[in-house]
Amino acid sequence: MQTFLYNGLLAPWTLLRFLRFLMGALLLVQAYQLKEYWIMGVAAFFILMALLNRGCCGVAGTCAPNTLPHNGSNNDTTEQIHYEEIKK
């Protein structure tokens, strides 16, 4: 868990990550001035997404990490699938 957070914080900042942080910060200031406390939660969500470099903005719309965790097995081979053509 620590490496997940640590890697998220130290990942290079992209334009979309910076825009998420800026939007969250501006929304947080505006919500504080208007005393709209529920909007502060939305702003905190945007800031947290930017800081941890996470979000559901991908092509497939998933929040899954790019790599799968290693389960300790050394079985990296894939099984070939054989198809049989069916004719009518």
C-alpha atoms as a PDB file:
ATOM      1  CA  MET A   1       0.000   0.000   0.000  1.00  0.00           C
ATOM      2  CA  GLN A   2       2.823   2.391   0.811  1.00  0.00           C
ATOM      3  CA  THR A   3       4.539   1.833  -2.521  1.00  0.00           C
ATOM      4  CA  PHE A   4       1.220   2.441  -4.323  1.00  0.00           C
ATOM      5  CA  LEU A   5       0.864   5.854  -2.648  1.00  0.00           C
ATOM      6  CA  TYR A   6       4.577   6.618  -2.922  1.00  0.00           C
ATOM      7  CA  ASN A   7       4.659   5.850  -6.660  1.00  0.00           C
ATOM      8  CA  GLY A   8       1.526   7.927  -7.205  1.00  0.00           C
ATOM      9  CA  LEU A   9       2.992  10.980  -5.500  1.00  0.00           C
ATOM     10  CA  LEU A  10       6.320  10.799  -7.320  1.00  0.00           C
ATOM     11  CA  ALA A  11       4.966  10.113 -10.807  1.00  0.00           C
ATOM     12  CA  PRO A  12       5.726  12.852 -13.340  1.00  0.00           C
ATOM     13  CA  TRP A  13       3.127  15.602 -13.538  1.00  0.00           C
ATOM     14  CA  THR A  14       1.212  15.726 -16.811  1.00  0.00           C
ATOM     15  CA  LEU A  15      -1.030  18.473 -18.119  1.00  0.00           C
ATOM     16  CA  LEU A  16      -4.232  16.679 -17.075  1.00  0.00           C
ATOM     17  CA  ARG A  17      -2.840  15.984 -13.599  1.00  0.00           C
ATOM     18  CA  PHE A  18      -1.953  19.656 -13.177  1.00  0.00           C
ATOM     19  CA  LEU A  19      -5.395  20.739 -14.440  1.00  0.00           C
ATOM     20  CA  ARG A  20      -7.127  18.384 -11.957  1.00  0.00           C
ATOM     21  CA  PHE A  21      -5.107  19.869  -9.118  1.00  0.00           C
ATOM     22  CA  LEU A  22      -5.740  23.445 -10.257  1.00  0.00           C
ATOM     23  CA  MET A  23      -9.483  22.830 -10.670  1.00  0.00           C
ATOM     24  CA  GLY A  24      -9.661  21.229  -7.226  1.00  0.00           C
ATOM     25  CA  ALA A  25      -7.726  24.073  -5.594  1.00  0.00           C
ATOM     26  CA  LEU A  26      -9.871  26.762  -7.229  1.00  0.00           C
ATOM     27  CA  LEU A  27     -13.043  24.886  -6.328  1.00  0.00           C
ATOM     28  CA  LEU A  28     -11.851  24.529  -2.740  1.00  0.00           C
ATOM     29  CA  VAL A  29     -11.200  28.273  -2.404  1.00  0.00           C
ATOM     30  CA  GLN A  30     -14.563  29.145  -3.955  1.00  0.00           C
ATOM     31  CA  ALA A  31     -16.412  26.667  -1.738  1.00  0.00           C
ATOM     32  CA  TYR A  32     -14.709  28.069   1.357  1.00  0.00           C
ATOM     33  CA  GLN A  33     -15.681  31.628   0.419  1.00  0.00           C
ATOM     34  CA  LEU A  34     -19.317  30.631  -0.164  1.00  0.00           C
ATOM     35  CA  LYS A  35     -19.382  28.303   2.868  1.00  0.00           C
ATOM     36  CA  GLU A  36     -20.579  25.412   0.710  1.00  0.00           C
ATOM     37  CA  TYR A  37     -19.056  22.553   2.651  1.00  0.00           C
ATOM     38  CA  TRP A  38     -20.292  19.718   0.439  1.00  0.00           C
ATOM     39  CA  ILE A  39     -18.464  21.267  -2.532  1.00  0.00           C
ATOM     40  CA  MET A  40     -15.296  21.146  -0.446  1.00  0.00           C
ATOM     41  CA  GLY A  41     -15.616  17.363  -0.532  1.00  0.00           C
ATOM     42  CA  VAL A  42     -15.774  17.416  -4.338  1.00  0.00           C
ATOM     43  CA  ALA A  43     -12.749  19.727  -4.428  1.00  0.00           C
ATOM     44  CA  ALA A  44     -10.851  17.429  -2.072  1.00  0.00           C
ATOM     45  CA  PHE A  45     -11.649  14.529  -4.398  1.00  0.00           C
ATOM     46  CA  PHE A  46     -10.117  16.360  -7.386  1.00  0.00           C
ATOM     47  CA  ILE A  47      -7.045  17.338  -5.369  1.00  0.00           C
ATOM     48  CA  LEU A  48      -6.594  13.777  -4.119  1.00  0.00           C
ATOM     49  CA  MET A  49      -6.920  12.401  -7.663  1.00  0.00           C
ATOM     50  CA  ALA A  50      -4.196  14.767  -8.826  1.00  0.00           C
ATOM     51  CA  LEU A  51      -1.855  14.087  -5.900  1.00  0.00           C
ATOM     52  CA  LEU A  52      -2.124  10.307  -6.180  1.00  0.00           C
ATOM     53  CA  ASN A  53      -2.154  10.361  -9.999  1.00  0.00           C
ATOM     54  CA  ARG A  54      -5.369   8.315 -10.126  1.00  0.00           C
ATOM     55  CA  GLY A  55      -8.621   8.835 -11.905  1.00  0.00           C
ATOM     56  CA  CYS A  56     -11.241   7.325 -14.160  1.00  0.00           C
ATOM     57  CA  CYS A  57     -10.285   9.332 -17.223  1.00  0.00           C
ATOM     58  CA  GLY A  58      -8.948   6.443 -19.313  1.00  0.00           C
ATOM     59  CA  VAL A  59     -10.217   5.233 -22.658  1.00  0.00           C
ATOM     60  CA  ALA A  60     -11.951   2.233 -21.110  1.00  0.00           C
ATOM     61  CA  GLY A  61     -13.166   4.246 -18.113  1.00  0.00           C
ATOM     62  CA  THR A  62     -11.471   2.013 -15.569  1.00  0.00           C
ATOM     63  CA  CYS A  63      -9.465   2.842 -12.482  1.00  0.00           C
ATOM     64  CA  ALA A  64      -7.422  -0.330 -12.688  1.00  0.00           C
ATOM     65  CA  PRO A  65      -3.630  -0.074 -12.471  1.00  0.00           C
ATOM     66  CA  ASN A  66      -1.585  -0.648 -15.626  1.00  0.00           C
ATOM     67  CA  THR A  67       0.246  -3.688 -14.270  1.00  0.00           C
ATOM     68  CA  LEU A  68      -1.019  -6.778 -12.530  1.00  0.00           C
ATOM     69  CA  PRO A  69       0.447  -7.723  -9.161  1.00  0.00           C
ATOM     70  CA  HIS A  70       2.944 -10.567  -9.207  1.00  0.00           C
ATOM     71  CA  ASN A  71       1.428 -13.628  -7.530  1.00  0.00           C
ATOM     72  CA  GLY A  72       4.731 -15.453  -6.997  1.00  0.00           C
ATOM     73  CA  SER A  73       4.333 -17.978  -9.785  1.00  0.00           C
ATOM     74  CA  ASN A  74       6.783 -18.142 -12.639  1.00  0.00           C
ATOM     75  CA  ASN A  75       4.223 -19.308 -15.184  1.00  0.00           C
ATOM     76  CA  ASP A  76       4.410 -16.588 -17.836  1.00  0.00           C
ATOM     77  CA  THR A  77       3.489 -18.823 -20.770  1.00  0.00           C
ATOM     78  CA  THR A  78       0.224 -18.410 -22.580  1.00  0.00           C
ATOM     79  CA  GLU A  79      -1.799 -21.295 -23.875  1.00  0.00           C
ATOM     80  CA  GLN A  80      -2.484 -21.409 -27.604  1.00  0.00           C
ATOM     81  CA  ILE A  81      -6.141 -21.516 -28.605  1.00  0.00           C
ATOM     82  CA  HIS A  82      -7.040 -23.681 -31.581  1.00  0.00           C
ATOM     83  CA  TYR A  83     -10.182 -22.863 -33.529  1.00  0.00           C
ATOM     84  CA  GLU A  84     -12.162 -25.276 -35.630  1.00  0.00           C
ATOM     85  CA  GLU A  85     -14.120 -23.987 -38.609  1.00  0.00           C
ATOM     86  CA  ILE A  86     -17.714 -25.156 -38.739  1.00  0.00           C
ATOM     87  CA  LYS A  87     -19.281 -25.365 -42.215  1.00  0.00           C
ATOM     88  CA  LYS A  88     -22.979 -25.650 -42.971  1.00  0.00           C
END
